[in-house]
Amino acid sequence: MVNYRIHADSRNSAGVGFVTEKLGLGIKCCELALSSGSARTWEHKIKNAQKAHDTALRFVHRFDFSEHEARRVNQRITHLKTLLAELR
């Protein structure tokens, strides 16, 4: 039983990291698109940011977040949505 609990906690921790990493990647792609003068780079970065956003949203409900983690993830989701809206 203890091993399962450790495994579940480890899995949850990895999942939280995965979601925050995807959101961070999406934010970075948006920032790069905003600073780029190339239309090709712009489109590519927006597409990658949207994909990261969609992936994070698909997985966010699969893991148990602490209150602090949930607040942080929600802030990142809101920030990424704002950046994507600005780029459109």
N, C-alpha and C. Protein backbone atom coordinates (compact mmCIF):
# COMPACT_ATOMS: atom_id res chain seq x y z
N MET A 1 0.81 -1.19 0.00
CA MET A 1 0.00 0.00 0.00
C MET A 1 0.86 1.26 0.00
N VAL A 2 1.90 1.28 0.80
CA VAL A 2 2.77 2.45 0.88
C VAL A 2 3.44 2.71 -0.47
N ASN A 3 3.89 1.66 -1.12
CA ASN A 3 4.54 1.83 -2.42
C ASN A 3 3.59 2.46 -3.43
N TYR A 4 2.33 2.04 -3.40
CA TYR A 4 1.35 2.63 -4.31
C TYR A 4 1.18 4.12 -4.01
N ARG A 5 1.14 4.47 -2.74
CA ARG A 5 0.96 5.87 -2.35
C ARG A 5 2.14 6.71 -2.83
N ILE A 6 3.34 6.20 -2.65
CA ILE A 6 4.53 6.91 -3.12
C ILE A 6 4.49 7.05 -4.63
N HIS A 7 4.12 5.98 -5.31
CA HIS A 7 4.02 6.01 -6.76
C HIS A 7 2.97 7.02 -7.21
N ALA A 8 1.82 7.04 -6.55
CA ALA A 8 0.75 7.97 -6.91
C ALA A 8 1.19 9.41 -6.67
N ASP A 9 1.87 9.68 -5.54
CA ASP A 9 2.35 11.02 -5.26
C ASP A 9 3.40 11.45 -6.28
N SER A 10 4.27 10.52 -6.64
CA SER A 10 5.30 10.81 -7.64
C SER A 10 4.67 11.09 -8.99
N ARG A 11 3.65 10.32 -9.35
CA ARG A 11 2.95 10.51 -10.63
C ARG A 11 2.27 11.86 -10.64
N ASN A 12 1.62 12.22 -9.54
CA ASN A 12 0.93 13.50 -9.45
C ASN A 12 1.92 14.65 -9.56
N SER A 13 3.05 14.53 -8.89
CA SER A 13 4.08 15.56 -8.94
C SER A 13 4.61 15.73 -10.36
N ALA A 14 4.82 14.63 -11.04
CA ALA A 14 5.28 14.69 -12.43
C ALA A 14 4.21 15.32 -13.32
N GLY A 15 2.95 15.02 -13.05
CA GLY A 15 1.85 15.59 -13.82
C GLY A 15 1.73 17.09 -13.64
N VAL A 16 1.88 17.54 -12.40
CA VAL A 16 1.85 18.97 -12.13
C VAL A 16 2.99 19.65 -12.87
N GLY A 17 4.17 19.04 -12.84
CA GLY A 17 5.32 19.58 -13.57
C GLY A 17 5.08 19.62 -15.06
N PHE A 18 4.45 18.59 -15.59
CA PHE A 18 4.15 18.53 -17.02
C PHE A 18 3.23 19.68 -17.43
N VAL A 19 2.16 19.90 -16.67
CA VAL A 19 1.20 20.96 -17.00
C VAL A 19 1.87 22.33 -16.92
N THR A 20 2.63 22.58 -15.86
CA THR A 20 3.28 23.89 -15.73
C THR A 20 4.34 24.08 -16.80
N GLU A 21 5.02 23.01 -17.18
CA GLU A 21 6.02 23.11 -18.25
C GLU A 21 5.36 23.46 -19.59
N LYS A 22 4.24 22.83 -19.89
CA LYS A 22 3.53 23.12 -21.14
C LYS A 22 3.05 24.57 -21.17
N LEU A 23 2.53 25.04 -20.06
CA LEU A 23 2.07 26.43 -20.00
C LEU A 23 3.24 27.40 -20.15
N GLY A 24 4.37 27.08 -19.52
CA GLY A 24 5.57 27.91 -19.66
C GLY A 24 6.06 27.94 -21.10
N LEU A 25 6.02 26.80 -21.76
CA LEU A 25 6.42 26.73 -23.17
C LEU A 25 5.51 27.58 -24.03
N GLY A 26 4.21 27.50 -23.78
CA GLY A 26 3.26 28.31 -24.54
C GLY A 26 3.49 29.81 -24.36
N ILE A 27 3.75 30.21 -23.12
CA ILE A 27 4.02 31.62 -22.82
C ILE A 27 5.29 32.06 -23.54
N LYS A 28 6.32 31.24 -23.50
CA LYS A 28 7.59 31.58 -24.16
C LYS A 28 7.39 31.71 -25.67
N CYS A 29 6.63 30.82 -26.27
CA CYS A 29 6.35 30.90 -27.71
C CYS A 29 5.64 32.20 -28.06
N CYS A 30 4.69 32.60 -27.23
CA CYS A 30 3.99 33.87 -27.47
C CYS A 30 4.95 35.05 -27.37
N GLU A 31 5.79 35.04 -26.36
CA GLU A 31 6.76 36.13 -26.19
C GLU A 31 7.70 36.20 -27.38
N LEU A 32 8.13 35.05 -27.88
CA LEU A 32 9.01 35.04 -29.05
C LEU A 32 8.27 35.53 -30.29
N ALA A 33 7.02 35.16 -30.44
CA ALA A 33 6.24 35.62 -31.58
C ALA A 33 6.07 37.14 -31.54
N LEU A 34 5.82 37.68 -30.35
CA LEU A 34 5.64 39.12 -30.20
C LEU A 34 6.91 39.89 -30.53
N SER A 35 8.06 39.28 -30.30
CA SER A 35 9.32 39.97 -30.56
C SER A 35 9.87 39.68 -31.96
N SER A 36 9.20 38.83 -32.72
CA SER A 36 9.69 38.44 -34.03
C SER A 36 9.15 39.37 -35.13
N GLY A 37 10.00 39.64 -36.08
CA GLY A 37 9.58 40.42 -37.24
C GLY A 37 9.20 39.53 -38.42
N SER A 38 9.38 38.25 -38.27
CA SER A 38 9.13 37.29 -39.34
C SER A 38 7.72 36.73 -39.25
N ALA A 39 6.96 36.82 -40.31
CA ALA A 39 5.60 36.28 -40.34
C ALA A 39 5.62 34.76 -40.17
N ARG A 40 6.62 34.13 -40.75
CA ARG A 40 6.72 32.67 -40.65
C ARG A 40 6.96 32.25 -39.20
N THR A 41 7.88 32.93 -38.54
CA THR A 41 8.15 32.64 -37.13
C THR A 41 6.92 32.93 -36.29
N TRP A 42 6.27 34.04 -36.57
CA TRP A 42 5.06 34.45 -35.86
C TRP A 42 4.02 33.33 -35.89
N GLU A 43 3.71 32.85 -37.10
CA GLU A 43 2.69 31.81 -37.25
C GLU A 43 3.11 30.51 -36.56
N HIS A 44 4.37 30.16 -36.72
CA HIS A 44 4.88 28.92 -36.13
C HIS A 44 4.80 28.98 -34.60
N LYS A 45 5.19 30.09 -34.02
CA LYS A 45 5.18 30.23 -32.56
C LYS A 45 3.76 30.27 -32.00
N ILE A 46 2.86 30.92 -32.72
CA ILE A 46 1.46 30.96 -32.28
C ILE A 46 0.87 29.55 -32.30
N LYS A 47 1.17 28.82 -33.35
CA LYS A 47 0.66 27.43 -33.46
C LYS A 47 1.20 26.58 -32.31
N ASN A 48 2.49 26.72 -32.00
CA ASN A 48 3.08 25.96 -30.90
C ASN A 48 2.49 26.38 -29.56
N ALA A 49 2.25 27.68 -29.38
CA ALA A 49 1.66 28.17 -28.13
C ALA A 49 0.25 27.63 -27.96
N GLN A 50 -0.53 27.62 -29.03
CA GLN A 50 -1.90 27.10 -28.95
C GLN A 50 -1.90 25.61 -28.63
N LYS A 51 -0.96 24.89 -29.22
CA LYS A 51 -0.85 23.46 -28.96
C LYS A 51 -0.48 23.21 -27.50
N ALA A 52 0.46 23.99 -26.97
CA ALA A 52 0.85 23.85 -25.56
C ALA A 52 -0.33 24.17 -24.64
N HIS A 53 -1.09 25.20 -24.98
CA HIS A 53 -2.27 25.59 -24.21
C HIS A 53 -3.30 24.45 -24.20
N ASP A 54 -3.59 23.93 -25.37
CA ASP A 54 -4.58 22.86 -25.48
C ASP A 54 -4.15 21.60 -24.72
N THR A 55 -2.87 21.27 -24.80
CA THR A 55 -2.34 20.10 -24.11
C THR A 55 -2.45 20.29 -22.60
N ALA A 56 -2.06 21.45 -22.11
CA ALA A 56 -2.14 21.72 -20.67
C ALA A 56 -3.58 21.63 -20.19
N LEU A 57 -4.51 22.21 -20.93
CA LEU A 57 -5.92 22.16 -20.52
C LEU A 57 -6.47 20.74 -20.54
N ARG A 58 -5.99 19.94 -21.47
CA ARG A 58 -6.46 18.56 -21.55
C ARG A 58 -6.00 17.75 -20.34
N PHE A 59 -4.82 18.06 -19.80
CA PHE A 59 -4.26 17.27 -18.71
C PHE A 59 -4.46 17.88 -17.33
N VAL A 60 -4.82 19.14 -17.23
CA VAL A 60 -4.88 19.83 -15.95
C VAL A 60 -5.86 19.18 -14.97
N HIS A 61 -6.91 18.58 -15.45
CA HIS A 61 -7.92 17.99 -14.58
C HIS A 61 -7.57 16.58 -14.13
N ARG A 62 -6.49 16.04 -14.61
CA ARG A 62 -6.10 14.67 -14.27
C ARG A 62 -5.27 14.58 -12.99
N PHE A 63 -4.86 15.72 -12.45
CA PHE A 63 -3.95 15.71 -11.31
C PHE A 63 -4.51 16.54 -10.17
N ASP A 64 -4.08 16.20 -8.95
CA ASP A 64 -4.48 16.94 -7.76
C ASP A 64 -3.43 18.01 -7.48
N PHE A 65 -3.85 19.25 -7.54
CA PHE A 65 -2.95 20.37 -7.29
C PHE A 65 -3.16 20.88 -5.87
N SER A 66 -2.07 21.29 -5.23
CA SER A 66 -2.22 21.98 -3.96
C SER A 66 -2.86 23.34 -4.26
N GLU A 67 -3.29 24.04 -3.24
CA GLU A 67 -3.91 25.35 -3.45
C GLU A 67 -2.94 26.30 -4.14
N HIS A 68 -1.69 26.28 -3.71
CA HIS A 68 -0.67 27.14 -4.30
C HIS A 68 -0.43 26.79 -5.78
N GLU A 69 -0.31 25.49 -6.05
CA GLU A 69 -0.08 25.04 -7.43
C GLU A 69 -1.27 25.39 -8.32
N ALA A 70 -2.48 25.21 -7.80
CA ALA A 70 -3.69 25.52 -8.58
C ALA A 70 -3.74 27.00 -8.92
N ARG A 71 -3.40 27.84 -7.96
CA ARG A 71 -3.39 29.29 -8.19
C ARG A 71 -2.35 29.64 -9.27
N ARG A 72 -1.18 29.05 -9.15
CA ARG A 72 -0.10 29.31 -10.11
C ARG A 72 -0.50 28.84 -11.52
N VAL A 73 -1.07 27.66 -11.62
CA VAL A 73 -1.49 27.12 -12.92
C VAL A 73 -2.59 27.99 -13.52
N ASN A 74 -3.55 28.40 -12.71
CA ASN A 74 -4.62 29.26 -13.21
C ASN A 74 -4.09 30.61 -13.69
N GLN A 75 -3.11 31.15 -12.99
CA GLN A 75 -2.50 32.41 -13.42
C GLN A 75 -1.79 32.23 -14.77
N ARG A 76 -1.10 31.13 -14.91
CA ARG A 76 -0.40 30.86 -16.18
C ARG A 76 -1.38 30.63 -17.32
N ILE A 77 -2.48 29.93 -17.06
CA ILE A 77 -3.50 29.72 -18.09
C ILE A 77 -4.07 31.06 -18.53
N THR A 78 -4.40 31.91 -17.57
CA THR A 78 -4.94 33.23 -17.88
C THR A 78 -3.94 34.06 -18.67
N HIS A 79 -2.68 34.03 -18.25
CA HIS A 79 -1.64 34.79 -18.95
C HIS A 79 -1.47 34.30 -20.39
N LEU A 80 -1.45 33.00 -20.56
CA LEU A 80 -1.28 32.43 -21.89
C LEU A 80 -2.48 32.77 -22.78
N LYS A 81 -3.69 32.68 -22.24
CA LYS A 81 -4.88 33.05 -23.01
C LYS A 81 -4.82 34.52 -23.44
N THR A 82 -4.36 35.38 -22.55
CA THR A 82 -4.25 36.81 -22.85
C THR A 82 -3.23 37.03 -23.98
N LEU A 83 -2.10 36.37 -23.89
CA LEU A 83 -1.06 36.50 -24.94
C LEU A 83 -1.59 35.98 -26.28
N LEU A 84 -2.25 34.85 -26.27
CA LEU A 84 -2.80 34.30 -27.52
C LEU A 84 -3.83 35.24 -28.12
N ALA A 85 -4.67 35.83 -27.29
CA ALA A 85 -5.68 36.77 -27.79
C ALA A 85 -5.01 38.01 -28.38
N GLU A 86 -3.93 38.44 -27.78
CA GLU A 86 -3.18 39.60 -28.27
C GLU A 86 -2.55 39.32 -29.63
N LEU A 87 -2.16 38.08 -29.84
CA LEU A 87 -1.50 37.72 -31.08
C LEU A 87 -2.47 37.50 -32.25
N ARG A 88 -3.74 37.41 -31.97
CA ARG A 88 -4.72 37.14 -33.03
C ARG A 88 -5.29 38.40 -33.58
